[in-house]
């Protein structure tokens, strides 16, 4: 271990204590807080936490491969065929009354199961504990649906927690440090307002968060056999609910302007009055009343506690500008599309097994079984199956993606832009084989735009074409956007997911027609591009960004990124932020 690593503070004890506190809160609140999301890779720390949970509450495991029928119950096929009438069997939700449902590998559950679990929380079903085992550093990892994550009140993170074996014994926890939980002395005033204001300052958009935080605070107080909320309850709610959901660091408190800062101090009198004679009734210095400490601001208390549980890497992500909304249904490997032939299983639907569709045999039999008693019996004794009983399997396939660079190759700064664009293309191509992505490059200068590099994932070909690309001349932004739109639409027609990255300063001086300026022509082309719904990034590389770039980006429906100093890695980071 290096000296730097040894010098870093280890908060494992605090995080472990907070994780055990979450169990006490769940025991008191039950389904009122939905449950707990545990981000933890498999290992002894997670197993010890699960053992501690099992000591307090009965646990029933639910496989990530379960479906809605397994939760709600469904047709008992054997009993139905034997009796000739529908016979239902109980599901997990009904049998798990008074238990905790634990879902391992929850990051791999299908959307249908996630939707049913979210509905079970709203219906007052058993509390949930979900294990998110994905690697936080992997941008391609599957993610839990936000609708389900939002309903789980408590979020804890056990990744990178290192504890001695004595601490891994269930129930043995170090006391929470004061930095994590405040001293339970002072009563909390106006808890609802403090939690709501703190949620806003932490960038939490969900209105469920402060409501769940208040329930967690009350459950924490109930676990300590207290009726009134104290500072420790507020701090625990902030660390368990608000901190892990934060999307930004709260702003520092504004300092009150000093009053009468510039006024001169009054001059002392020439002869100060003599001190009064000592009296027996005059209290001594030790007996004088000490000034009372200032009252604790509940909002500041909540924010301080929440910052102890901020998501890992939040500060780095904010600095890199990677926290943003991605285009719907789109990832770095392309958009997800429904399929009947291949991909990830996504349930079944009525239909004919034709054109490559696969028959769902068991579901077909279940659909036909309840009607066997009233249907004409076959001479061979087989089931009477009709066309409307047939079920076919559905799949979700991920399409391949194409990143299209439209680079302004005009003007005196063309060489810098082109060099960095070439570097960005080469960096993205290095990952093309893994992410099934292709890269294309359009250069616009003079009076036209040209497809310098057609969509490819071949790095040698890309380097050859990029080396021969020249720059200089006017700035025909309209031509560049039109060319980018045509290439992107062609890629969409191939079944791929295009992303257009425009690199320019936004100032057009070539294009247009009679009565139309080049800038107006560029704006018209941007509006036409925006009408297609194509995902795009507009990188304004002017030394001093002007409104022109923002207007074009808004018309395109693109994410605006300002990079006065164009850097290949910065361009790649901006692209990945949109595609993540």
Protein backbone atom coordinates (compact mmCIF):
# COMPACT_ATOMS: atom_id res chain seq x y z
CA UNK A 1 0.00 0.00 0.00
CA UNK A 2 1.30 3.39 -0.97
CA UNK A 3 1.64 6.26 1.43
CA UNK A 4 -1.12 8.14 -0.40
CA UNK A 5 -3.49 5.25 -0.08
CA UNK A 6 -2.63 4.81 3.54
CA UNK A 7 -3.32 8.46 4.21
CA UNK A 8 -6.83 8.32 2.73
CA UNK A 9 -9.48 8.11 5.42
CA UNK A 10 -11.35 4.82 5.52
CA UNK A 11 -15.04 5.29 6.26
CA UNK A 12 -15.82 1.57 6.23
CA UNK A 13 -16.90 1.56 9.86
CA UNK A 14 -19.27 4.47 9.30
CA UNK A 15 -20.80 2.95 6.18
CA UNK A 16 -21.20 -0.42 7.87
CA UNK A 17 -22.88 1.19 10.87
CA UNK A 18 -25.21 3.10 8.55
CA UNK A 19 -26.05 -0.13 6.68
CA UNK A 20 -27.03 -1.83 9.95
CA UNK A 21 -29.06 1.24 10.87
CA UNK A 22 -30.99 0.70 7.64
CA UNK A 23 -32.05 -2.73 8.92
CA UNK A 24 -33.43 -1.23 12.12
CA UNK A 25 -35.32 1.36 10.09
CA UNK A 26 -36.79 -1.32 7.81
CA UNK A 27 -37.92 -3.35 10.81
CA UNK A 28 -39.82 -0.36 12.18
CA UNK A 29 -41.20 1.09 8.93
CA UNK A 30 -41.85 -2.05 6.91
CA UNK A 31 -43.52 -1.41 3.55
CA UNK A 32 -44.07 2.28 4.40
CA UNK A 33 -40.60 2.99 2.99
CA UNK A 34 -40.82 0.48 0.12
CA UNK A 35 -37.57 -1.27 0.93
CA UNK A 36 -33.80 -1.01 0.57
CA UNK A 37 -31.58 -0.82 -2.50
CA UNK A 38 -28.19 -2.33 -1.71
CA UNK A 39 -25.40 -1.58 -4.17
CA UNK A 40 -22.86 -4.28 -3.42
CA UNK A 41 -20.89 -6.85 -5.31
CA UNK A 42 -20.97 -10.43 -4.02
CA UNK A 43 -18.64 -10.90 -1.09
CA UNK A 44 -18.39 -11.41 2.67
CA UNK A 45 -19.56 -7.87 3.49
CA UNK A 46 -22.80 -8.25 1.57
CA UNK A 47 -23.36 -11.75 2.95
CA UNK A 48 -22.83 -10.47 6.50
CA UNK A 49 -25.37 -7.72 5.93
CA UNK A 50 -27.88 -10.23 4.53
CA UNK A 51 -27.32 -12.44 7.60
CA UNK A 52 -27.95 -9.46 9.86
CA UNK A 53 -31.19 -8.78 8.00
CA UNK A 54 -32.30 -12.40 8.37
CA UNK A 55 -31.75 -12.21 12.13
CA UNK A 56 -34.25 -9.36 12.41
CA UNK A 57 -36.86 -10.12 9.73
CA UNK A 58 -37.89 -13.28 7.83
CA UNK A 59 -36.49 -13.19 4.30
CA UNK A 60 -37.73 -14.86 1.13
CA UNK A 61 -35.56 -14.82 -1.96
CA UNK A 62 -37.04 -14.03 -5.36
CA UNK A 63 -34.99 -15.06 -8.41
CA UNK A 64 -34.27 -12.30 -10.91
CA UNK A 65 -35.67 -14.59 -13.61
CA UNK A 66 -39.13 -14.66 -12.01
CA UNK A 67 -42.08 -13.23 -13.92
CA UNK A 68 -45.29 -11.47 -12.97
CA UNK A 69 -47.13 -14.79 -12.84
CA UNK A 70 -44.74 -16.10 -10.21
CA UNK A 71 -45.47 -13.03 -8.07
CA UNK A 72 -49.24 -12.93 -8.45
CA UNK A 73 -49.93 -16.59 -9.00
CA UNK A 74 -51.50 -18.07 -12.06
CA UNK A 75 -53.01 -21.08 -13.62
CA UNK A 76 -52.12 -24.44 -12.08
CA UNK A 77 -51.74 -26.34 -15.31
CA UNK A 78 -51.78 -29.87 -13.86
CA UNK A 79 -54.86 -29.25 -11.69
CA UNK A 80 -56.61 -27.44 -14.52
CA UNK A 81 -56.12 -30.29 -16.98
CA UNK A 82 -57.18 -32.86 -14.39
CA UNK A 83 -60.33 -31.02 -13.30
CA UNK A 84 -61.35 -29.47 -16.57
CA UNK A 85 -61.75 -26.02 -15.03
CA UNK A 86 -59.34 -23.22 -14.14
CA UNK A 87 -57.47 -23.78 -10.90
CA UNK A 88 -55.36 -20.89 -9.59
CA UNK A 89 -52.23 -21.21 -7.50
CA UNK A 90 -51.01 -18.61 -5.00
CA UNK A 91 -48.12 -16.35 -5.90
CA UNK A 92 -45.08 -15.15 -4.01
CA UNK A 93 -46.67 -11.85 -2.96
CA UNK A 94 -49.52 -13.62 -1.19
CA UNK A 95 -47.31 -16.23 0.46
CA UNK A 96 -44.74 -13.64 1.59
CA UNK A 97 -47.00 -11.73 3.96
CA UNK A 98 -44.91 -10.58 6.93
CA UNK A 99 -41.64 -11.32 5.13
CA UNK A 100 -39.03 -9.35 3.22
CA UNK A 101 -38.60 -10.13 -0.46
CA UNK A 102 -34.90 -10.23 -1.36
CA UNK A 103 -33.99 -10.06 -5.05
CA UNK A 104 -30.35 -10.89 -5.90
CA UNK A 105 -28.90 -9.68 -9.21
CA UNK A 106 -31.70 -7.14 -9.36
CA UNK A 107 -29.85 -5.20 -12.07
CA UNK A 108 -30.70 -8.05 -14.46
CA UNK A 109 -34.45 -8.27 -13.85
CA UNK A 110 -36.69 -7.73 -16.84
CA UNK A 111 -38.85 -4.58 -17.11
CA UNK A 112 -42.08 -6.53 -16.63
CA UNK A 113 -40.94 -7.90 -13.27
CA UNK A 114 -39.65 -4.48 -12.20
CA UNK A 115 -43.02 -2.92 -13.06
CA UNK A 116 -44.88 -5.55 -11.04
CA UNK A 117 -42.57 -5.06 -8.04
CA UNK A 118 -43.18 -1.30 -8.21
CA UNK A 119 -46.91 -1.94 -8.32
CA UNK A 120 -46.63 -4.26 -5.30
CA UNK A 121 -45.01 -1.45 -3.30
CA UNK A 122 -47.86 0.91 -4.19
CA UNK A 123 -50.39 -1.76 -3.17
CA UNK A 124 -48.82 -2.17 0.27
CA UNK A 125 -47.08 -5.46 -0.43
CA UNK A 126 -44.09 -6.83 1.47
CA UNK A 127 -40.95 -4.65 1.64
CA UNK A 128 -38.22 -5.29 -0.91
CA UNK A 129 -34.46 -5.61 -0.65
CA UNK A 130 -32.74 -5.41 -4.03
CA UNK A 131 -29.08 -6.28 -4.57
CA UNK A 132 -27.55 -4.23 -7.39
CA UNK A 133 -24.42 -6.23 -8.21
CA UNK A 134 -23.27 -4.23 -11.23
CA UNK A 135 -19.84 -2.66 -11.40
CA UNK A 136 -20.21 1.10 -10.75
CA UNK A 137 -17.28 1.83 -13.08
CA UNK A 138 -18.91 0.02 -16.01
CA UNK A 139 -20.91 2.49 -18.09
CA UNK A 140 -22.45 -0.41 -20.03
CA UNK A 141 -23.88 -2.21 -17.02
CA UNK A 142 -27.62 -2.86 -16.88
CA UNK A 143 -29.51 -0.41 -14.71
CA UNK A 144 -32.60 -0.89 -12.59
CA UNK A 145 -35.70 0.91 -13.87
CA UNK A 146 -35.97 4.32 -12.24
CA UNK A 147 -39.64 3.78 -11.36
CA UNK A 148 -38.64 0.92 -9.04
CA UNK A 149 -35.52 2.61 -7.64
CA UNK A 150 -37.54 5.72 -6.80
CA UNK A 151 -39.95 3.70 -4.62
CA UNK A 152 -37.22 2.17 -2.46
CA UNK A 153 -36.73 4.62 0.38
CA UNK A 154 -33.30 3.57 1.63
CA UNK A 155 -30.21 3.31 -0.58
CA UNK A 156 -26.93 1.99 0.79
CA UNK A 157 -23.59 1.26 -0.86
CA UNK A 158 -21.37 -1.53 0.44
CA UNK A 159 -18.88 -1.50 -2.43
CA UNK A 160 -15.28 -1.04 -1.30
CA UNK A 161 -16.24 -1.50 2.37
CA UNK A 162 -13.38 -3.22 4.19
CA UNK A 163 -14.07 -4.64 7.64
CA UNK A 164 -12.25 -7.00 10.00
CA UNK A 165 -13.75 -10.39 10.60
CA UNK A 166 -15.03 -9.36 14.03
CA UNK A 167 -17.16 -6.64 12.44
CA UNK A 168 -18.60 -9.06 9.89
CA UNK A 169 -20.35 -11.01 12.61
CA UNK A 170 -24.01 -10.10 12.32
CA UNK A 171 -25.15 -7.63 14.90
CA UNK A 172 -21.73 -6.36 15.90
CA UNK A 173 -21.50 -2.76 14.70
CA UNK A 174 -19.31 0.16 15.69
CA UNK A 175 -21.12 3.22 16.99
CA UNK A 176 -22.00 5.74 14.26
CA UNK A 177 -19.56 8.65 14.27
CA UNK A 178 -20.81 12.17 14.94
CA UNK A 179 -19.96 13.11 11.37
CA UNK A 180 -22.61 10.66 10.24
CA UNK A 181 -25.27 10.99 12.89
CA UNK A 182 -25.74 14.03 15.08
CA UNK A 183 -26.07 13.81 18.81
CA UNK A 184 -29.66 12.90 19.70
CA UNK A 185 -30.12 15.84 22.01
CA UNK A 186 -31.86 18.71 20.32
CA UNK A 187 -35.37 18.26 19.03
CA UNK A 188 -35.84 18.67 15.29
CA UNK A 189 -38.11 21.57 14.35
CA UNK A 190 -39.97 21.79 11.06
CA UNK A 191 -38.57 18.49 9.79
CA UNK A 192 -40.77 18.42 6.69
CA UNK A 193 -39.51 21.78 5.43
CA UNK A 194 -35.86 20.99 6.20
CA UNK A 195 -35.97 17.68 4.29
CA UNK A 196 -37.77 19.22 1.32
CA UNK A 197 -35.38 22.16 1.05
CA UNK A 198 -32.38 19.85 1.35
CA UNK A 199 -33.75 17.61 -1.42
CA UNK A 200 -34.03 20.60 -3.76
CA UNK A 201 -30.50 21.78 -2.98
CA UNK A 202 -29.15 18.27 -3.63
CA UNK A 203 -30.75 18.24 -7.09
CA UNK A 204 -33.31 15.52 -6.28
CA UNK A 205 -36.26 15.85 -8.66
CA UNK A 206 -38.47 13.13 -7.18
CA UNK A 207 -41.12 14.31 -4.72
CA UNK A 208 -41.06 10.88 -3.12
CA UNK A 209 -37.60 11.44 -1.65
CA UNK A 210 -38.50 13.95 1.12
CA UNK A 211 -41.65 11.97 1.96
CA UNK A 212 -39.66 8.77 2.34
CA UNK A 213 -36.95 10.63 4.26
CA UNK A 214 -39.54 11.80 6.81
CA UNK A 215 -40.82 8.23 7.23
CA UNK A 216 -37.26 6.98 7.71
CA UNK A 217 -36.62 9.67 10.34
CA UNK A 218 -39.74 8.61 12.25
CA UNK A 219 -38.77 4.95 12.00
CA UNK A 220 -35.30 5.79 13.30
CA UNK A 221 -36.86 7.55 16.27
CA UNK A 222 -39.18 4.59 16.89
CA UNK A 223 -36.19 2.23 16.89
CA UNK A 224 -34.73 4.31 19.75
CA UNK A 225 -38.13 4.32 21.51
CA UNK A 226 -38.68 8.04 21.04
CA UNK A 227 -41.82 9.82 19.91
CA UNK A 228 -40.30 13.19 18.95
CA UNK A 229 -37.82 13.58 16.11
CA UNK A 230 -34.31 14.55 17.12
CA UNK A 231 -31.28 15.71 15.21
CA UNK A 232 -29.96 12.15 14.95
CA UNK A 233 -33.17 11.04 13.22
CA UNK A 234 -32.89 13.81 10.66
CA UNK A 235 -29.24 12.99 10.02
CA UNK A 236 -29.98 9.29 9.56
CA UNK A 237 -32.77 10.06 7.08
CA UNK A 238 -30.48 12.38 5.15
CA UNK A 239 -27.68 9.80 4.94
CA UNK A 240 -29.99 6.90 4.03
CA UNK A 241 -32.42 8.60 1.65
CA UNK A 242 -31.25 11.98 0.35
CA UNK A 243 -27.48 11.60 0.09
CA UNK A 244 -27.44 8.54 -2.24
CA UNK A 245 -29.95 10.28 -4.57
CA UNK A 246 -27.99 13.53 -4.89
CA UNK A 247 -27.14 14.76 -8.38
CA UNK A 248 -25.22 17.85 -7.34
CA UNK A 249 -23.27 19.21 -4.43
CA UNK A 250 -25.32 21.75 -2.44
CA UNK A 251 -24.15 25.35 -2.71
CA UNK A 252 -22.25 26.80 0.26
CA UNK A 253 -24.30 28.92 2.67
CA UNK A 254 -24.39 32.57 1.81
CA UNK A 255 -22.59 34.77 4.29
CA UNK A 256 -24.59 37.65 5.58
CA UNK A 257 -23.11 41.00 4.56
CA UNK A 258 -21.39 42.69 7.47
CA UNK A 259 -23.43 45.49 8.92
CA UNK A 260 -21.79 48.86 9.17
CA UNK A 261 -18.54 47.45 7.88
CA UNK A 262 -17.31 50.74 6.52
CA UNK A 263 -18.45 52.92 9.39
CA UNK A 264 -15.63 54.20 11.58
CA UNK A 265 -15.48 53.02 15.12
CA UNK A 266 -16.57 55.57 17.70
CA UNK A 267 -13.74 57.28 19.51
CA UNK A 268 -13.42 56.31 23.15
CA UNK A 269 -13.93 59.03 25.76
CA UNK A 270 -10.85 60.77 26.97
CA UNK A 271 -11.39 59.80 30.57
CA UNK A 272 -13.19 56.54 31.03
CA UNK A 273 -15.37 56.36 34.12
CA UNK A 274 -13.90 54.58 37.09
CA UNK A 275 -15.00 51.01 37.64
CA UNK A 276 -17.73 50.49 40.21
CA UNK A 277 -16.65 49.29 43.61
CA UNK A 278 -16.78 45.59 44.15
CA UNK A 279 -19.86 44.25 45.81
CA UNK A 280 -20.56 41.04 47.54
CA UNK A 281 -23.59 40.53 45.34
CA UNK A 282 -21.62 40.91 42.09
CA UNK A 283 -21.15 37.52 40.48
CA UNK A 284 -17.68 36.40 39.53
CA UNK A 285 -16.49 35.59 36.08
CA UNK A 286 -17.18 31.91 36.54
CA UNK A 287 -20.67 32.56 37.80
CA UNK A 288 -21.71 34.85 34.97
CA UNK A 289 -24.15 33.47 32.44
CA UNK A 290 -22.43 31.99 29.44
CA UNK A 291 -23.82 32.91 26.03
CA UNK A 292 -26.20 30.30 24.64
CA UNK A 293 -25.04 28.46 21.53
CA UNK A 294 -26.79 29.49 18.33
CA UNK A 295 -29.74 27.30 17.34
CA UNK A 296 -29.07 24.47 14.92
CA UNK A 297 -30.34 25.08 11.40
CA UNK A 298 -32.23 21.85 10.50
CA UNK A 299 -31.58 22.30 6.78
CA UNK A 300 -27.82 22.66 7.31
CA UNK A 301 -27.89 19.60 9.57
CA UNK A 302 -29.62 17.56 6.88
CA UNK A 303 -27.23 18.75 4.15
CA UNK A 304 -24.15 17.99 6.25
CA UNK A 305 -25.40 14.47 6.93
CA UNK A 306 -26.42 13.91 3.32
CA UNK A 307 -22.95 14.82 2.05
CA UNK A 308 -21.51 11.89 4.00
CA UNK A 309 -23.45 9.55 1.72
CA UNK A 310 -23.09 11.20 -1.69
CA UNK A 311 -22.89 8.75 -4.60
CA UNK A 312 -19.32 7.64 -5.35
CA UNK A 313 -17.74 9.62 -8.14
CA UNK A 314 -20.34 12.39 -8.02
CA UNK A 315 -17.78 15.15 -7.85
CA UNK A 316 -15.77 13.66 -10.73
CA UNK A 317 -18.92 13.22 -12.82
CA UNK A 318 -19.97 16.81 -12.18
CA UNK A 319 -16.53 18.08 -13.11
CA UNK A 320 -16.60 16.10 -16.35
CA UNK A 321 -20.15 17.13 -17.11
CA UNK A 322 -21.33 13.56 -17.53
CA UNK A 323 -24.54 13.83 -15.53
CA UNK A 324 -27.18 14.43 -18.12
CA UNK A 325 -30.25 12.93 -19.64
CA UNK A 326 -29.62 10.60 -22.51
CA UNK A 327 -31.90 10.23 -25.49
CA UNK A 328 -34.73 7.88 -24.66
CA UNK A 329 -34.07 4.26 -25.41
CA UNK A 330 -30.53 4.88 -26.57
CA UNK A 331 -27.23 3.72 -25.19
CA UNK A 332 -23.70 3.51 -26.36
CA UNK A 333 -24.49 0.24 -28.06
CA UNK A 334 -27.56 1.56 -29.81
CA UNK A 335 -31.27 1.79 -29.17
CA UNK A 336 -33.36 -1.11 -27.94
CA UNK A 337 -35.93 -2.40 -30.41
CA UNK A 338 -38.59 -5.08 -30.17
CA UNK A 339 -37.87 -8.28 -32.01
CA UNK A 340 -39.55 -11.64 -32.57
CA UNK A 341 -36.45 -13.61 -33.46
CA UNK A 342 -33.53 -12.79 -31.18
CA UNK A 343 -32.41 -10.69 -28.24
CA UNK A 344 -33.28 -10.54 -24.57
CA UNK A 345 -36.54 -12.33 -23.62
CA UNK A 346 -39.37 -9.87 -22.99
CA UNK A 347 -42.46 -12.02 -22.37
CA UNK A 348 -45.01 -13.44 -24.76
CA UNK A 349 -47.95 -12.19 -26.82
CA UNK A 350 -50.75 -13.74 -28.89
CA UNK A 351 -49.68 -14.44 -32.45
CA UNK A 352 -48.82 -16.97 -35.11
CA UNK A 353 -45.38 -18.62 -35.14
CA UNK A 354 -44.47 -17.31 -38.59
CA UNK A 355 -41.63 -15.28 -40.13
CA UNK A 356 -39.14 -16.58 -37.59
CA UNK A 357 -41.35 -16.07 -34.51
CA UNK A 358 -40.91 -18.72 -31.81
CA UNK A 359 -43.85 -20.57 -30.29
CA UNK A 360 -44.20 -20.28 -26.51
CA UNK A 361 -45.44 -23.83 -25.88
CA UNK A 362 -46.17 -23.67 -22.15
CA UNK A 363 -48.01 -20.35 -22.43
CA UNK A 364 -50.02 -21.74 -25.37
CA UNK A 365 -51.07 -24.76 -23.32
CA UNK A 366 -52.02 -22.53 -20.39
CA UNK A 367 -54.21 -20.42 -22.66
CA UNK A 368 -56.01 -23.49 -24.03
CA UNK A 369 -56.33 -25.59 -20.85
CA UNK A 370 -59.31 -23.81 -19.20
CA UNK A 371 -61.48 -24.39 -22.31
CA UNK A 372 -60.94 -28.12 -22.78
CA UNK A 373 -64.15 -29.15 -21.00
CA UNK A 374 -66.41 -27.18 -23.36
CA UNK A 375 -64.47 -27.80 -26.57
CA UNK A 376 -65.06 -30.88 -28.72
CA UNK A 377 -62.76 -33.68 -27.61
CA UNK A 378 -60.22 -34.98 -30.09
CA UNK A 379 -60.22 -38.66 -30.97
CA UNK A 380 -56.53 -38.98 -30.18
CA UNK A 381 -57.02 -37.44 -26.70
CA UNK A 382 -54.81 -34.44 -27.37
CA UNK A 383 -55.58 -30.89 -26.35
CA UNK A 384 -57.91 -28.92 -28.53
CA UNK A 385 -55.88 -25.84 -29.41
CA UNK A 386 -57.24 -23.00 -31.51
CA UNK A 387 -55.53 -20.19 -33.30
CA UNK A 388 -56.33 -17.61 -30.62
CA UNK A 389 -54.58 -19.81 -28.04
CA UNK A 390 -51.21 -19.52 -29.74
CA UNK A 391 -48.55 -17.45 -28.00
CA UNK A 392 -45.19 -16.34 -29.40
CA UNK A 393 -42.12 -15.11 -27.62
CA UNK A 394 -41.02 -11.47 -27.68
CA UNK A 395 -37.44 -10.27 -27.52
CA UNK A 396 -35.67 -6.92 -27.19
CA UNK A 397 -32.67 -6.57 -29.44
CA UNK A 398 -30.10 -3.79 -29.20
CA UNK A 399 -29.21 -2.17 -32.48
CA UNK A 400 -25.74 -1.05 -33.45
CA UNK A 401 -24.87 2.64 -33.28
CA UNK A 402 -23.13 5.10 -35.60
CA UNK A 403 -21.48 8.31 -34.42
CA UNK A 404 -21.37 10.91 -37.21
CA UNK A 405 -18.96 13.83 -36.82
CA UNK A 406 -19.77 17.00 -38.76
CA UNK A 407 -16.66 19.16 -38.43
CA UNK A 408 -16.22 22.78 -39.41
CA UNK A 409 -13.04 22.67 -41.54
CA UNK A 410 -13.03 26.36 -42.45
CA UNK A 411 -11.13 29.41 -41.29
CA UNK A 412 -7.87 29.92 -39.53
CA UNK A 413 -8.73 27.60 -36.65
CA UNK A 414 -9.55 24.73 -38.98
CA UNK A 415 -6.31 22.90 -38.44
CA UNK A 416 -6.77 22.77 -34.66
CA UNK A 417 -10.37 21.60 -34.99
CA UNK A 418 -9.52 19.01 -37.59
CA UNK A 419 -6.63 17.64 -35.57
CA UNK A 420 -8.74 17.19 -32.49
CA UNK A 421 -11.67 15.78 -34.47
CA UNK A 422 -9.33 13.24 -36.03
CA UNK A 423 -8.08 12.34 -32.56
CA UNK A 424 -11.65 11.94 -31.28
CA UNK A 425 -12.56 9.68 -34.20
CA UNK A 426 -9.54 7.47 -33.56
CA UNK A 427 -10.34 7.25 -29.83
CA UNK A 428 -13.93 6.21 -30.53
CA UNK A 429 -12.85 3.71 -33.16
CA UNK A 430 -10.62 2.02 -30.60
CA UNK A 431 -13.80 1.03 -28.75
CA UNK A 432 -15.86 0.24 -31.85
CA UNK A 433 -15.24 -3.48 -31.79
CA UNK A 434 -16.41 -3.82 -28.21
CA UNK A 435 -19.46 -1.57 -28.47
CA UNK A 436 -20.48 -2.55 -32.02
CA UNK A 437 -20.25 1.07 -33.06
CA UNK A 438 -19.27 2.74 -36.30
CA UNK A 439 -17.87 6.22 -36.87
CA UNK A 440 -18.31 8.59 -39.82
CA UNK A 441 -16.78 12.01 -40.53
CA UNK A 442 -18.20 14.93 -42.52
CA UNK A 443 -16.12 18.04 -43.24
CA UNK A 444 -17.77 21.25 -44.44
CA UNK A 445 -15.76 24.14 -45.83
CA UNK A 446 -15.82 26.48 -48.80
CA UNK A 447 -19.27 26.11 -50.34
CA UNK A 448 -20.05 22.44 -49.70
CA UNK A 449 -19.84 19.51 -47.32
CA UNK A 450 -18.17 16.18 -48.06
CA UNK A 451 -18.39 12.74 -46.49
CA UNK A 452 -14.69 12.29 -45.77
CA UNK A 453 -15.09 9.01 -43.89
CA UNK A 454 -18.13 6.80 -44.57
CA UNK A 455 -19.47 4.80 -41.59
CA UNK A 456 -16.80 2.31 -40.63
CA UNK A 457 -15.19 0.58 -37.70
CA UNK A 458 -11.92 0.01 -39.54
CA UNK A 459 -9.17 1.98 -37.83
CA UNK A 460 -6.57 1.63 -40.65
CA UNK A 461 -9.07 2.95 -43.21
CA UNK A 462 -10.05 5.80 -40.93
CA UNK A 463 -6.44 6.88 -40.43
CA UNK A 464 -5.80 6.84 -44.18
CA UNK A 465 -8.83 8.98 -44.98
CA UNK A 466 -8.26 11.37 -42.07
CA UNK A 467 -4.66 12.02 -43.03
CA UNK A 468 -5.73 13.36 -46.42
CA UNK A 469 -8.45 15.71 -45.11
CA UNK A 470 -7.66 19.40 -45.71
CA UNK A 471 -9.11 22.61 -44.27
CA UNK A 472 -9.63 26.31 -44.98
CA UNK A 473 -12.20 28.49 -46.76
CA UNK A 474 -15.71 29.62 -45.84
CA UNK A 475 -18.19 28.14 -43.35
CA UNK A 476 -21.25 26.49 -44.97
CA UNK A 477 -23.00 25.28 -41.81
CA UNK A 478 -26.28 24.65 -43.65
CA UNK A 479 -24.55 22.29 -46.07
CA UNK A 480 -22.86 20.47 -43.21
CA UNK A 481 -26.13 19.96 -41.32
CA UNK A 482 -27.93 18.78 -44.45
CA UNK A 483 -25.20 16.26 -45.17
CA UNK A 484 -25.19 15.04 -41.54
CA UNK A 485 -28.97 14.64 -41.63
CA UNK A 486 -28.86 12.58 -44.84
CA UNK A 487 -26.14 10.28 -43.54
CA UNK A 488 -27.94 9.86 -40.20
CA UNK A 489 -31.25 9.07 -41.89
CA UNK A 490 -29.50 6.52 -44.07
CA UNK A 491 -28.01 4.88 -40.99
CA UNK A 492 -31.43 4.82 -39.35
CA UNK A 493 -32.77 3.12 -42.46
CA UNK A 494 -30.11 0.43 -41.99
CA UNK A 495 -31.56 -0.30 -38.57
CA UNK A 496 -28.76 1.46 -36.70
CA UNK A 497 -28.90 4.19 -34.04
CA UNK A 498 -27.21 7.38 -35.29
CA UNK A 499 -25.73 10.14 -33.15
CA UNK A 500 -24.60 13.37 -34.86
CA UNK A 501 -21.80 15.43 -33.31
CA UNK A 502 -21.42 18.93 -34.80
CA UNK A 503 -18.12 20.72 -34.13
CA UNK A 504 -18.19 24.41 -35.12
CA UNK A 505 -18.21 27.96 -33.79
CA UNK A 506 -21.75 28.53 -35.10
CA UNK A 507 -20.92 31.48 -37.40
CA UNK A 508 -21.98 30.75 -40.98
CA UNK A 509 -20.72 32.93 -43.84
CA UNK A 510 -21.49 30.75 -46.87
CA UNK A 511 -24.86 29.47 -48.10
CA UNK A 512 -28.39 30.77 -48.34
CA UNK A 513 -30.04 32.31 -51.35
CA UNK A 514 -31.83 35.40 -52.47
CA UNK A 515 -32.99 37.26 -49.38
CA UNK A 516 -31.64 34.56 -47.04
CA UNK A 517 -28.41 35.13 -45.14
CA UNK A 518 -26.00 32.25 -44.47
CA UNK A 519 -26.89 32.34 -40.77
CA UNK A 520 -30.63 32.14 -41.53
CA UNK A 521 -29.96 29.23 -43.89
CA UNK A 522 -28.04 27.46 -41.15
CA UNK A 523 -30.93 28.02 -38.74
CA UNK A 524 -33.41 26.60 -41.28
CA UNK A 525 -31.22 23.53 -41.75
CA UNK A 526 -31.02 23.12 -37.97
CA UNK A 527 -34.83 23.22 -37.69
CA UNK A 528 -35.14 20.60 -40.42
CA UNK A 529 -32.64 18.46 -38.57
CA UNK A 530 -34.55 18.85 -35.30
CA UNK A 531 -37.80 17.72 -36.96
CA UNK A 532 -36.27 14.29 -37.61
CA UNK A 533 -35.79 13.55 -33.91
CA UNK A 534 -32.18 12.49 -34.41
CA UNK A 535 -29.94 12.49 -31.33
CA UNK A 536 -27.20 15.09 -31.58
CA UNK A 537 -24.50 17.03 -29.75
CA UNK A 538 -23.52 20.58 -30.70
CA UNK A 539 -19.96 21.42 -29.62
CA UNK A 540 -19.32 25.17 -29.71
CA UNK A 541 -15.56 25.52 -30.10
CA UNK A 542 -15.39 29.31 -30.49
CA UNK A 543 -12.90 31.05 -28.19
CA UNK A 544 -15.72 33.23 -26.88
CA UNK A 545 -19.06 31.39 -27.12
CA UNK A 546 -21.86 33.49 -28.60
CA UNK A 547 -25.65 33.02 -28.78
CA UNK A 548 -25.33 31.75 -32.35
CA UNK A 549 -24.24 28.31 -31.24
CA UNK A 550 -26.99 28.06 -28.64
CA UNK A 551 -29.65 29.02 -31.21
CA UNK A 552 -28.48 26.34 -33.62
CA UNK A 553 -28.30 23.72 -30.86
CA UNK A 554 -31.81 24.56 -29.68
CA UNK A 555 -33.20 24.35 -33.20
CA UNK A 556 -31.54 20.94 -33.67
CA UNK A 557 -32.75 19.65 -30.34
CA UNK A 558 -29.11 18.95 -29.54
CA UNK A 559 -27.19 19.04 -26.30
CA UNK A 560 -24.98 22.13 -26.24
CA UNK A 561 -21.38 21.64 -25.08
CA UNK A 562 -19.03 24.63 -24.90
CA UNK A 563 -15.36 23.79 -25.50
CA UNK A 564 -13.34 26.99 -26.13
CA UNK A 565 -10.22 24.83 -26.21
CA UNK A 566 -10.95 21.86 -28.39
CA UNK A 567 -9.47 18.67 -27.00
CA UNK A 568 -9.89 15.19 -28.46
CA UNK A 569 -10.53 13.57 -25.09
CA UNK A 570 -13.01 16.32 -24.14
CA UNK A 571 -14.93 15.68 -27.35
CA UNK A 572 -15.04 11.95 -26.62
CA UNK A 573 -16.22 12.63 -23.05
CA UNK A 574 -19.03 14.85 -24.34
CA UNK A 575 -20.13 12.13 -26.76
CA UNK A 576 -20.03 9.44 -24.09
CA UNK A 577 -22.02 11.64 -21.69
CA UNK A 578 -24.90 11.73 -24.16
CA UNK A 579 -24.64 8.06 -25.10
CA UNK A 580 -24.24 6.67 -21.52
